[in-house]
Amino acid sequence: MRREDASDLAGSTAVGTLVAFALLALTVSGRAGGPLFGDADLFDWSVTHRPSVAVAMARAVTYTGTGFVPYALVVLAGLLVGRTARQRIFSVAAALLCLAAGQAVRYGLMSLIARPRPATAGWSTHASGWSFPSGHTTTSAITAGLLVLAVLARASRGRGPLALAIGCWGVLVGLTRVYLGVHWFSDVLGGWLFALCWLSLSAYVVIRLAPPVRRRFHRARLWAR
């Protein structure tokens, strides 16, 4: 894909997901934080379908969506993208900044919207803070997105299945938040929309600011002559 086409795609995706997220956030605020269509049904279903093995597996998956694991994975993504030591340092720093800044912005939006979580009687894991957008969902989705981009950029074999597996992990973390009763599904949907918007915006900025590789290579050849 050409540089201009990639920046146009990233910019369009960022704008589209921003509009969708804003509409969802306004709907949540307009309902005073109450559940939206389908939220209560999914919550009630999760409460009545929790065998101990499934709960243990859901907790194991949900714990990977916060803390040390996402930061370790984005460091891996940065290392995969870089070809030289300098590029790897820059890529790791950029990936860490993308994740940390995304978390900070999400936290600000969460505090501003201040949506209550579902009733604690239905929880099967610990949770704190307001509900929208889901923090675990946002963090895991940004992390998965960065890792998928790194795999697609550098992997020579099996990158399709590997990228799919990473994407499934990002989705599963969000779904476990609903299954364990600590979020409404609309919280998770908001996290996915925010993460996609943030990743697209970050990609747009990087594409626009990064110097064109081919031009630099061409100039180097001219100087060598």
Protein backbone atom coordinates (compact mmCIF):
# COMPACT_ATOMS: atom_id res chain seq x y z
CA MET A 1 0.00 0.00 0.00
CA ARG A 2 1.31 3.45 -0.92
CA ARG A 3 2.14 5.93 1.82
CA GLU A 4 -0.68 8.29 0.80
CA ASP A 5 -3.25 5.48 0.68
CA ALA A 6 -2.18 4.21 4.09
CA SER A 7 -2.48 7.64 5.67
CA ASP A 8 -5.90 8.18 4.06
CA LEU A 9 -7.12 4.81 5.35
CA ALA A 10 -5.80 5.48 8.86
CA GLY A 11 -7.30 8.97 8.92
CA SER A 12 -10.70 7.82 7.66
CA THR A 13 -10.80 4.98 10.18
CA ALA A 14 -9.87 7.34 13.01
CA VAL A 15 -12.65 9.77 12.08
CA GLY A 16 -15.26 7.05 11.62
CA THR A 17 -14.54 5.30 14.89
CA LEU A 18 -14.35 8.64 16.72
CA VAL A 19 -17.85 9.50 15.52
CA ALA A 20 -19.15 6.05 16.52
CA PHE A 21 -17.52 6.29 19.96
CA ALA A 22 -18.87 9.80 20.52
CA LEU A 23 -22.40 8.70 19.64
CA LEU A 24 -22.16 5.72 21.99
CA ALA A 25 -20.77 7.90 24.79
CA LEU A 26 -23.56 10.44 24.32
CA THR A 27 -26.12 7.64 24.41
CA VAL A 28 -24.64 6.27 27.64
CA SER A 29 -24.65 9.74 29.20
CA GLY A 30 -28.19 10.37 28.00
CA ARG A 31 -29.36 7.22 29.78
CA ALA A 32 -27.67 8.39 33.00
CA GLY A 33 -25.27 5.46 32.80
CA GLY A 34 -28.01 2.85 32.73
CA PRO A 35 -27.76 -0.30 30.59
CA LEU A 36 -28.39 0.04 26.87
CA PHE A 37 -30.25 -2.36 24.60
CA GLY A 38 -29.00 -5.90 25.20
CA ASP A 39 -26.74 -5.00 28.14
CA ALA A 40 -29.05 -6.34 30.83
CA ASP A 41 -29.82 -9.53 28.91
CA LEU A 42 -26.14 -10.36 28.45
CA PHE A 43 -25.44 -9.58 32.10
CA ASP A 44 -28.27 -11.85 33.26
CA TRP A 45 -27.10 -14.63 30.95
CA SER A 46 -23.54 -14.45 32.28
CA VAL A 47 -24.72 -14.64 35.88
CA THR A 48 -26.62 -17.86 35.21
CA HIS A 49 -23.92 -19.54 33.08
CA ARG A 50 -20.79 -19.61 35.22
CA PRO A 51 -19.41 -23.08 35.90
CA SER A 52 -16.26 -22.94 38.01
CA VAL A 53 -13.96 -24.04 35.17
CA ALA A 54 -15.29 -21.34 32.83
CA VAL A 55 -14.91 -18.67 35.52
CA ALA A 56 -11.32 -19.72 36.20
CA MET A 57 -10.49 -19.57 32.50
CA ALA A 58 -12.19 -16.19 32.12
CA ARG A 59 -10.25 -14.80 35.06
CA ALA A 60 -6.98 -16.07 33.59
CA VAL A 61 -7.72 -14.35 30.28
CA THR A 62 -8.97 -11.12 31.83
CA TYR A 63 -5.85 -10.73 33.98
CA THR A 64 -3.71 -10.60 30.81
CA GLY A 65 -5.52 -7.42 29.81
CA THR A 66 -3.89 -5.24 32.44
CA GLY A 67 -0.67 -4.75 34.38
CA PHE A 68 2.65 -6.05 33.11
CA VAL A 69 1.51 -8.28 30.25
CA PRO A 70 0.29 -5.58 27.79
CA TYR A 71 3.45 -3.53 28.26
CA ALA A 72 5.64 -6.58 27.70
CA LEU A 73 3.72 -7.33 24.50
CA VAL A 74 4.05 -3.81 23.09
CA VAL A 75 7.78 -3.92 23.81
CA LEU A 76 7.86 -7.14 21.77
CA ALA A 77 5.94 -5.38 19.00
CA GLY A 78 8.49 -2.58 18.93
CA LEU A 79 11.38 -5.03 18.80
CA LEU A 80 9.77 -6.84 15.89
CA VAL A 81 9.29 -3.69 13.83
CA GLY A 82 12.81 -2.31 14.17
CA ARG A 83 15.59 -3.62 11.96
CA THR A 84 18.52 -1.88 13.62
CA ALA A 85 19.24 -1.19 17.28
CA ARG A 86 18.29 2.46 16.83
CA GLN A 87 15.05 1.58 15.07
CA ARG A 88 14.16 -0.91 17.77
CA ILE A 89 14.69 1.66 20.52
CA PHE A 90 12.52 4.18 18.67
CA SER A 91 9.83 1.59 17.89
CA VAL A 92 9.66 0.35 21.49
CA ALA A 93 9.42 3.91 22.82
CA ALA A 94 6.70 4.76 20.30
CA ALA A 95 4.69 1.62 21.14
CA LEU A 96 4.95 2.28 24.88
CA LEU A 97 3.92 5.90 24.38
CA CYS A 98 0.94 4.84 22.26
CA LEU A 99 -0.32 2.45 24.94
CA ALA A 100 0.36 4.72 27.94
CA ALA A 101 -1.16 7.81 26.29
CA GLY A 102 -4.18 5.79 25.18
CA GLN A 103 -4.73 4.58 28.71
CA ALA A 104 -4.44 8.13 30.05
CA VAL A 105 -6.98 9.52 27.59
CA ARG A 106 -9.36 6.64 28.27
CA TYR A 107 -9.08 7.26 32.02
CA GLY A 108 -9.97 10.90 31.50
CA LEU A 109 -13.02 9.99 29.43
CA MET A 110 -14.06 7.37 31.97
CA SER A 111 -13.91 9.92 34.79
CA LEU A 112 -15.83 12.46 32.70
CA ILE A 113 -18.65 10.07 31.77
CA ALA A 114 -18.70 8.43 35.23
CA ARG A 115 -20.89 5.47 34.34
CA PRO A 116 -21.65 3.08 37.24
CA ARG A 117 -20.75 -0.58 36.88
CA PRO A 118 -23.33 -3.38 37.01
CA ALA A 119 -24.52 -4.45 40.47
CA THR A 120 -21.71 -6.01 42.50
CA ALA A 121 -23.90 -9.02 43.31
CA GLY A 122 -23.21 -10.29 39.79
CA TRP A 123 -19.41 -9.89 39.87
CA SER A 124 -17.06 -12.87 39.66
CA THR A 125 -13.81 -10.88 39.83
CA HIS A 126 -12.45 -7.69 41.34
CA ALA A 127 -13.01 -4.35 39.60
CA SER A 128 -12.64 -0.69 40.47
CA GLY A 129 -13.39 2.69 38.97
CA TRP A 130 -16.12 3.76 36.58
CA SER A 131 -17.39 1.53 33.81
CA PHE A 132 -17.25 3.26 30.38
CA PRO A 133 -15.17 2.58 28.38
CA SER A 134 -13.75 -0.66 29.73
CA GLY A 135 -10.09 -0.33 30.71
CA HIS A 136 -9.11 -3.98 30.22
CA THR A 137 -10.82 -3.95 26.82
CA THR A 138 -9.10 -0.77 25.68
CA THR A 139 -5.67 -1.85 26.90
CA SER A 140 -5.82 -5.32 25.36
CA ALA A 141 -7.23 -4.00 22.07
CA ILE A 142 -4.49 -1.37 21.69
CA THR A 143 -1.88 -3.97 22.60
CA ALA A 144 -3.29 -6.52 20.17
CA GLY A 145 -3.46 -3.91 17.42
CA LEU A 146 0.18 -2.90 17.84
CA LEU A 147 1.30 -6.52 17.91
CA VAL A 148 -0.78 -7.41 14.84
CA LEU A 149 0.72 -4.50 12.91
CA ALA A 150 4.21 -5.63 13.91
CA VAL A 151 3.55 -9.22 12.86
CA LEU A 152 2.08 -8.19 9.50
CA ALA A 153 5.02 -5.89 8.87
CA ARG A 154 7.82 -8.32 9.68
CA ALA A 155 6.66 -11.93 9.76
CA SER A 156 7.44 -13.82 6.55
CA ARG A 157 5.50 -17.01 7.26
CA GLY A 158 2.31 -17.76 9.13
CA ARG A 159 1.59 -14.11 9.82
CA GLY A 160 -2.09 -14.47 8.96
CA PRO A 161 -2.92 -17.14 11.57
CA LEU A 162 -0.67 -15.47 14.14
CA ALA A 163 -2.33 -12.10 13.62
CA LEU A 164 -5.73 -13.77 13.89
CA ALA A 165 -4.75 -15.43 17.18
CA ILE A 166 -3.56 -12.12 18.60
CA GLY A 167 -6.76 -10.42 17.52
CA CYS A 168 -8.84 -13.16 19.13
CA TRP A 169 -6.98 -12.62 22.40
CA GLY A 170 -7.79 -8.92 22.30
CA VAL A 171 -11.47 -9.66 21.70
CA LEU A 172 -11.63 -12.36 24.37
CA VAL A 173 -10.29 -10.07 27.08
CA GLY A 174 -13.16 -7.69 26.43
CA LEU A 175 -15.76 -10.45 26.43
CA THR A 176 -14.51 -11.81 29.75
CA ARG A 177 -15.31 -8.45 31.34
CA VAL A 178 -18.97 -8.98 30.44
CA TYR A 179 -18.91 -12.66 31.36
CA LEU A 180 -17.46 -11.92 34.80
CA GLY A 181 -20.14 -9.30 35.39
CA VAL A 182 -17.98 -6.21 35.92
CA HIS A 183 -18.94 -4.40 32.70
CA TRP A 184 -21.92 -3.91 30.43
CA PHE A 185 -21.36 -4.99 26.85
CA SER A 186 -21.65 -1.36 25.73
CA ASP A 187 -18.61 -0.62 27.94
CA VAL A 188 -16.66 -3.23 26.00
CA LEU A 189 -17.93 -1.92 22.68
CA GLY A 190 -16.82 1.55 23.73
CA GLY A 191 -13.38 0.19 24.57
CA TRP A 192 -13.05 -1.44 21.15
CA LEU A 193 -14.13 1.72 19.33
CA PHE A 194 -11.79 3.90 21.36
CA ALA A 195 -8.86 1.52 20.82
CA LEU A 196 -9.42 1.36 17.06
CA CYS A 197 -9.70 5.14 16.89
CA TRP A 198 -6.52 5.59 18.92
CA LEU A 199 -4.56 3.06 16.87
CA SER A 200 -5.72 4.63 13.61
CA LEU A 201 -4.84 8.12 14.81
CA SER A 202 -1.42 6.93 15.97
CA ALA A 203 -0.79 5.22 12.64
CA TYR A 204 -1.82 8.38 10.77
CA VAL A 205 0.61 10.51 12.78
CA VAL A 206 3.47 8.02 12.33
CA ILE A 207 2.89 7.75 8.58
CA ARG A 208 2.78 11.52 8.19
CA LEU A 209 5.82 12.25 10.33
CA ALA A 210 8.10 9.35 9.40
CA PRO A 211 10.62 10.24 6.67
CA PRO A 212 10.12 8.34 3.40
CA VAL A 213 12.51 5.39 3.35
CA ARG A 214 12.85 5.17 -0.42
CA ARG A 215 13.79 8.82 -0.78
CA ARG A 216 16.48 8.55 1.87
CA PHE A 217 17.82 5.39 0.21
CA HIS A 218 17.91 7.12 -3.19
CA ARG A 219 19.79 10.09 -1.78
CA ALA A 220 22.29 7.77 -0.13
CA ARG A 221 22.99 6.12 -3.47
CA LEU A 222 23.48 9.48 -5.15
CA TRP A 223 25.96 10.55 -2.49
CA ALA A 224 27.79 7.21 -2.85
CA ARG A 225 28.33 7.99 -6.53
